[in-house]
Amino acid sequence: MELLYFFLGLAALVVVVLGLFALGWRGRRRRQQDMPRPLPVPEDLSEPGFQALGQYVVTTTAGDWLDRVAQYGLGVKSNATAAVFPEGLLFARSGAEDLWIPKSDLRAVRLERGMAGKFVEKDGLVTVTWQLGPKRVDTGFRTRAGSDKTPLVNAITKLLPESAAPSEEQL
């Protein structure tokens, strides 16, 4: 009988914790309701210059790697392909809406150790800073093959305005 009470108490605790998570996520979405929807993927794209398989990690407020963007599924991890086109960057996500970042919205690209619950080896995460309407955000992507990180960063760097391109020390 004591074991039954223990498991009932444990189940109640799990329900309370999950409820608090749901309330927090709902509050975050309410605070971010002015966040504009990302642009749709253009229909007439050129051939991609580079593609890499991996994991879309998350989009956060730029500079605040714990502030996930809860709107439009941008705060949810998913398997994805990062494809660099002359017109911009596409994260083709499985189980979530694709994320298109036009070339004109790209601001920076760099390698990081992690963001929002995903931490990897030093320089293991490709992080793209871009403009989402009036908001500046960071999007993290983890390549499946480590050898794809540098070519992905280089391909994205070619899309950046000359003043935003990282120096050799930053890579």
C-alpha atoms as a PDB file:
ATOM      1  CA  MET A   1       0.000   0.000   0.000  1.00  0.00           C
ATOM      2  CA  GLU A   2       2.863   2.410   0.806  1.00  0.00           C
ATOM      3  CA  LEU A   3       4.345   1.678  -2.605  1.00  0.00           C
ATOM      4  CA  LEU A   4       1.033   2.598  -4.244  1.00  0.00           C
ATOM      5  CA  TYR A   5       0.974   5.965  -2.437  1.00  0.00           C
ATOM      6  CA  PHE A   6       4.571   6.575  -3.441  1.00  0.00           C
ATOM      7  CA  PHE A   7       3.781   6.019  -7.145  1.00  0.00           C
ATOM      8  CA  LEU A   8       0.599   8.114  -6.967  1.00  0.00           C
ATOM      9  CA  GLY A   9       2.566  10.959  -5.362  1.00  0.00           C
ATOM     10  CA  LEU A  10       5.281  10.609  -7.985  1.00  0.00           C
ATOM     11  CA  ALA A  11       2.703  10.668 -10.795  1.00  0.00           C
ATOM     12  CA  ALA A  12       1.083  13.774  -9.287  1.00  0.00           C
ATOM     13  CA  LEU A  13       4.483  15.472  -9.094  1.00  0.00           C
ATOM     14  CA  VAL A  14       5.199  14.662 -12.756  1.00  0.00           C
ATOM     15  CA  VAL A  15       1.805  16.093 -13.784  1.00  0.00           C
ATOM     16  CA  VAL A  16       2.465  19.302 -11.819  1.00  0.00           C
ATOM     17  CA  VAL A  17       5.934  19.730 -13.339  1.00  0.00           C
ATOM     18  CA  LEU A  18       4.624  19.147 -16.882  1.00  0.00           C
ATOM     19  CA  GLY A  19       1.809  21.620 -16.207  1.00  0.00           C
ATOM     20  CA  LEU A  20       4.340  24.244 -15.108  1.00  0.00           C
ATOM     21  CA  PHE A  21       6.367  23.645 -18.281  1.00  0.00           C
ATOM     22  CA  ALA A  22       3.215  24.111 -20.377  1.00  0.00           C
ATOM     23  CA  LEU A  23       2.335  27.341 -18.546  1.00  0.00           C
ATOM     24  CA  GLY A  24       5.860  28.671 -19.050  1.00  0.00           C
ATOM     25  CA  TRP A  25       5.807  27.864 -22.776  1.00  0.00           C
ATOM     26  CA  ARG A  26       2.370  29.502 -23.135  1.00  0.00           C
ATOM     27  CA  GLY A  27       3.643  32.615 -21.335  1.00  0.00           C
ATOM     28  CA  ARG A  28       6.695  32.748 -23.595  1.00  0.00           C
ATOM     29  CA  ARG A  29       4.459  32.527 -26.687  1.00  0.00           C
ATOM     30  CA  ARG A  30       2.279  35.334 -25.326  1.00  0.00           C
ATOM     31  CA  ARG A  31       5.354  37.550 -24.706  1.00  0.00           C
ATOM     32  CA  GLN A  32       6.565  36.847 -28.247  1.00  0.00           C
ATOM     33  CA  GLN A  33       3.249  37.344 -30.034  1.00  0.00           C
ATOM     34  CA  ASP A  34       4.653  40.395 -31.859  1.00  0.00           C
ATOM     35  CA  MET A  35       7.330  38.172 -33.454  1.00  0.00           C
ATOM     36  CA  PRO A  36       6.689  38.137 -37.233  1.00  0.00           C
ATOM     37  CA  ARG A  37       6.305  34.866 -39.122  1.00  0.00           C
ATOM     38  CA  PRO A  38       9.393  33.887 -41.143  1.00  0.00           C
ATOM     39  CA  LEU A  39       9.028  34.312 -44.893  1.00  0.00           C
ATOM     40  CA  PRO A  40       7.828  31.300 -46.907  1.00  0.00           C
ATOM     41  CA  VAL A  41      10.303  29.327 -49.015  1.00  0.00           C
ATOM     42  CA  PRO A  42      10.429  30.846 -52.534  1.00  0.00           C
ATOM     43  CA  GLU A  43       9.220  28.564 -55.305  1.00  0.00           C
ATOM     44  CA  ASP A  44      11.866  29.538 -57.855  1.00  0.00           C
ATOM     45  CA  LEU A  45      15.123  28.799 -56.028  1.00  0.00           C
ATOM     46  CA  SER A  46      18.391  28.118 -57.818  1.00  0.00           C
ATOM     47  CA  GLU A  47      20.353  24.951 -57.133  1.00  0.00           C
ATOM     48  CA  PRO A  48      21.875  24.862 -53.632  1.00  0.00           C
ATOM     49  CA  GLY A  49      25.586  25.602 -53.458  1.00  0.00           C
ATOM     50  CA  PHE A  50      26.031  23.431 -50.350  1.00  0.00           C
ATOM     51  CA  GLN A  51      23.860  21.111 -48.261  1.00  0.00           C
ATOM     52  CA  ALA A  52      24.465  19.378 -44.945  1.00  0.00           C
ATOM     53  CA  LEU A  53      22.394  16.896 -42.982  1.00  0.00           C
ATOM     54  CA  GLY A  54      22.049  17.458 -39.266  1.00  0.00           C
ATOM     55  CA  GLN A  55      19.837  18.769 -36.505  1.00  0.00           C
ATOM     56  CA  TYR A  56      18.063  22.104 -36.367  1.00  0.00           C
ATOM     57  CA  VAL A  57      18.693  22.969 -32.722  1.00  0.00           C
ATOM     58  CA  VAL A  58      16.674  26.087 -31.943  1.00  0.00           C
ATOM     59  CA  THR A  59      16.140  29.756 -32.713  1.00  0.00           C
ATOM     60  CA  THR A  60      16.717  32.148 -29.813  1.00  0.00           C
ATOM     61  CA  THR A  61      16.789  35.890 -29.280  1.00  0.00           C
ATOM     62  CA  ALA A  62      20.185  37.044 -30.574  1.00  0.00           C
ATOM     63  CA  GLY A  63      22.782  37.060 -27.832  1.00  0.00           C
ATOM     64  CA  ASP A  64      20.517  35.235 -25.349  1.00  0.00           C
ATOM     65  CA  TRP A  65      21.031  31.530 -26.001  1.00  0.00           C
ATOM     66  CA  LEU A  66      18.437  30.551 -23.359  1.00  0.00           C
ATOM     67  CA  ASP A  67      15.543  32.653 -24.734  1.00  0.00           C
ATOM     68  CA  ARG A  68      13.944  30.244 -27.213  1.00  0.00           C
ATOM     69  CA  VAL A  69      11.586  31.654 -29.801  1.00  0.00           C
ATOM     70  CA  ALA A  70       8.336  29.813 -29.064  1.00  0.00           C
ATOM     71  CA  GLN A  71       6.416  31.069 -32.103  1.00  0.00           C
ATOM     72  CA  TYR A  72       6.023  29.124 -35.374  1.00  0.00           C
ATOM     73  CA  GLY A  73       7.849  26.024 -34.094  1.00  0.00           C
ATOM     74  CA  LEU A  74      11.198  27.847 -34.073  1.00  0.00           C
ATOM     75  CA  GLY A  75      11.964  26.670 -30.535  1.00  0.00           C
ATOM     76  CA  VAL A  76      11.629  22.950 -31.297  1.00  0.00           C
ATOM     77  CA  LYS A  77      14.511  20.652 -32.263  1.00  0.00           C
ATOM     78  CA  SER A  78      14.181  18.544 -35.399  1.00  0.00           C
ATOM     79  CA  ASN A  79      16.260  16.668 -37.920  1.00  0.00           C
ATOM     80  CA  ALA A  80      16.970  18.922 -40.870  1.00  0.00           C
ATOM     81  CA  THR A  81      18.993  19.668 -43.946  1.00  0.00           C
ATOM     82  CA  ALA A  82      20.729  23.022 -44.166  1.00  0.00           C
ATOM     83  CA  ALA A  83      20.873  24.157 -47.790  1.00  0.00           C
ATOM     84  CA  VAL A  84      22.680  27.300 -48.915  1.00  0.00           C
ATOM     85  CA  PHE A  85      21.242  28.922 -52.031  1.00  0.00           C
ATOM     86  CA  PRO A  86      22.380  32.114 -53.787  1.00  0.00           C
ATOM     87  CA  GLU A  87      19.078  33.609 -52.551  1.00  0.00           C
ATOM     88  CA  GLY A  88      19.455  32.579 -48.895  1.00  0.00           C
ATOM     89  CA  LEU A  89      19.530  29.744 -46.372  1.00  0.00           C
ATOM     90  CA  LEU A  90      16.969  26.964 -45.970  1.00  0.00           C
ATOM     91  CA  PHE A  91      16.552  24.646 -42.997  1.00  0.00           C
ATOM     92  CA  ALA A  92      14.352  21.862 -44.380  1.00  0.00           C
ATOM     93  CA  ARG A  93      13.023  20.388 -41.130  1.00  0.00           C
ATOM     94  CA  SER A  94      11.297  17.056 -40.635  1.00  0.00           C
ATOM     95  CA  GLY A  95       8.153  17.248 -38.527  1.00  0.00           C
ATOM     96  CA  ALA A  96       8.200  21.057 -38.515  1.00  0.00           C
ATOM     97  CA  GLU A  97       7.718  23.915 -40.955  1.00  0.00           C
ATOM     98  CA  ASP A  98      10.787  24.664 -43.086  1.00  0.00           C
ATOM     99  CA  LEU A  99      12.709  27.803 -42.154  1.00  0.00           C
ATOM    100  CA  TRP A 100      13.766  30.140 -44.963  1.00  0.00           C
ATOM    101  CA  ILE A 101      16.224  32.983 -44.259  1.00  0.00           C
ATOM    102  CA  PRO A 102      16.630  35.365 -47.210  1.00  0.00           C
ATOM    103  CA  LYS A 103      20.148  36.512 -48.030  1.00  0.00           C
ATOM    104  CA  SER A 104      19.198  40.108 -47.151  1.00  0.00           C
ATOM    105  CA  ASP A 105      18.288  39.053 -43.582  1.00  0.00           C
ATOM    106  CA  LEU A 106      21.555  37.217 -42.821  1.00  0.00           C
ATOM    107  CA  ARG A 107      23.836  39.107 -40.416  1.00  0.00           C
ATOM    108  CA  ALA A 108      26.550  36.711 -39.173  1.00  0.00           C
ATOM    109  CA  VAL A 109      27.623  33.084 -38.895  1.00  0.00           C
ATOM    110  CA  ARG A 110      29.938  31.525 -36.336  1.00  0.00           C
ATOM    111  CA  LEU A 111      30.753  28.285 -34.536  1.00  0.00           C
ATOM    112  CA  GLU A 112      29.578  27.945 -30.932  1.00  0.00           C
ATOM    113  CA  ARG A 113      29.687  25.383 -28.150  1.00  0.00           C
ATOM    114  CA  GLY A 114      25.904  25.306 -27.684  1.00  0.00           C
ATOM    115  CA  MET A 115      22.584  27.016 -27.091  1.00  0.00           C
ATOM    116  CA  ALA A 116      19.225  26.397 -25.359  1.00  0.00           C
ATOM    117  CA  GLY A 117      19.809  22.927 -23.990  1.00  0.00           C
ATOM    118  CA  LYS A 118      22.116  21.583 -26.732  1.00  0.00           C
ATOM    119  CA  PHE A 119      25.776  21.668 -25.775  1.00  0.00           C
ATOM    120  CA  VAL A 120      28.467  20.004 -27.839  1.00  0.00           C
ATOM    121  CA  GLU A 121      32.237  20.115 -28.254  1.00  0.00           C
ATOM    122  CA  LYS A 122      33.947  23.454 -28.776  1.00  0.00           C
ATOM    123  CA  ASP A 123      32.868  24.969 -32.105  1.00  0.00           C
ATOM    124  CA  GLY A 124      30.436  22.097 -32.717  1.00  0.00           C
ATOM    125  CA  LEU A 125      27.349  24.173 -33.516  1.00  0.00           C
ATOM    126  CA  VAL A 126      26.865  26.418 -36.554  1.00  0.00           C
ATOM    127  CA  THR A 127      25.045  29.548 -35.336  1.00  0.00           C
ATOM    128  CA  VAL A 128      23.468  31.958 -37.796  1.00  0.00           C
ATOM    129  CA  THR A 129      22.415  35.456 -36.717  1.00  0.00           C
ATOM    130  CA  TRP A 130      19.645  36.930 -38.830  1.00  0.00           C
ATOM    131  CA  GLN A 131      16.930  39.564 -38.856  1.00  0.00           C
ATOM    132  CA  LEU A 132      13.331  38.388 -38.312  1.00  0.00           C
ATOM    133  CA  GLY A 133      11.380  41.576 -38.944  1.00  0.00           C
ATOM    134  CA  PRO A 134      12.478  44.027 -36.226  1.00  0.00           C
ATOM    135  CA  LYS A 135      13.972  41.224 -34.091  1.00  0.00           C
ATOM    136  CA  ARG A 136      17.493  39.858 -34.363  1.00  0.00           C
ATOM    137  CA  VAL A 137      17.668  36.110 -33.706  1.00  0.00           C
ATOM    138  CA  ASP A 138      20.211  33.260 -33.632  1.00  0.00           C
ATOM    139  CA  THR A 139      19.533  29.851 -35.169  1.00  0.00           C
ATOM    140  CA  GLY A 140      21.651  26.831 -34.266  1.00  0.00           C
ATOM    141  CA  PHE A 141      22.370  23.854 -36.518  1.00  0.00           C
ATOM    142  CA  ARG A 142      24.456  20.774 -35.686  1.00  0.00           C
ATOM    143  CA  THR A 143      25.866  19.028 -38.750  1.00  0.00           C
ATOM    144  CA  ARG A 144      25.708  15.255 -38.738  1.00  0.00           C
ATOM    145  CA  ALA A 145      29.248  15.002 -40.109  1.00  0.00           C
ATOM    146  CA  GLY A 146      31.879  17.150 -38.425  1.00  0.00           C
ATOM    147  CA  SER A 147      33.563  17.668 -41.781  1.00  0.00           C
ATOM    148  CA  ASP A 148      30.474  19.603 -42.996  1.00  0.00           C
ATOM    149  CA  LYS A 149      30.768  22.430 -40.421  1.00  0.00           C
ATOM    150  CA  THR A 150      33.474  24.489 -42.088  1.00  0.00           C
ATOM    151  CA  PRO A 151      32.071  24.194 -45.642  1.00  0.00           C
ATOM    152  CA  LEU A 152      28.627  25.193 -44.310  1.00  0.00           C
ATOM    153  CA  VAL A 153      30.048  28.233 -42.500  1.00  0.00           C
ATOM    154  CA  ASN A 154      32.036  29.182 -45.615  1.00  0.00           C
ATOM    155  CA  ALA A 155      28.979  28.863 -47.872  1.00  0.00           C
ATOM    156  CA  ILE A 156      26.870  31.035 -45.543  1.00  0.00           C
ATOM    157  CA  THR A 157      29.728  33.547 -45.186  1.00  0.00           C
ATOM    158  CA  LYS A 158      29.669  34.091 -48.964  1.00  0.00           C
ATOM    159  CA  LEU A 159      26.060  35.328 -48.612  1.00  0.00           C
ATOM    160  CA  LEU A 160      26.869  37.863 -45.907  1.00  0.00           C
ATOM    161  CA  PRO A 161      27.476  41.542 -46.607  1.00  0.00           C
ATOM    162  CA  GLU A 162      31.224  42.196 -46.813  1.00  0.00           C
ATOM    163  CA  SER A 163      31.228  44.049 -43.485  1.00  0.00           C
ATOM    164  CA  ALA A 164      29.630  41.092 -41.666  1.00  0.00           C
ATOM    165  CA  ALA A 165      31.949  38.315 -42.899  1.00  0.00           C
ATOM    166  CA  PRO A 166      33.918  36.714 -40.048  1.00  0.00           C
ATOM    167  CA  SER A 167      37.680  36.939 -39.955  1.00  0.00           C
ATOM    168  CA  GLU A 168      39.901  33.852 -40.009  1.00  0.00           C
ATOM    169  CA  GLU A 169      40.337  33.981 -36.206  1.00  0.00           C
ATOM    170  CA  GLN A 170      36.540  33.819 -35.713  1.00  0.00           C
ATOM    171  CA  LEU A 171      36.310  30.563 -37.666  1.00  0.00           C
END
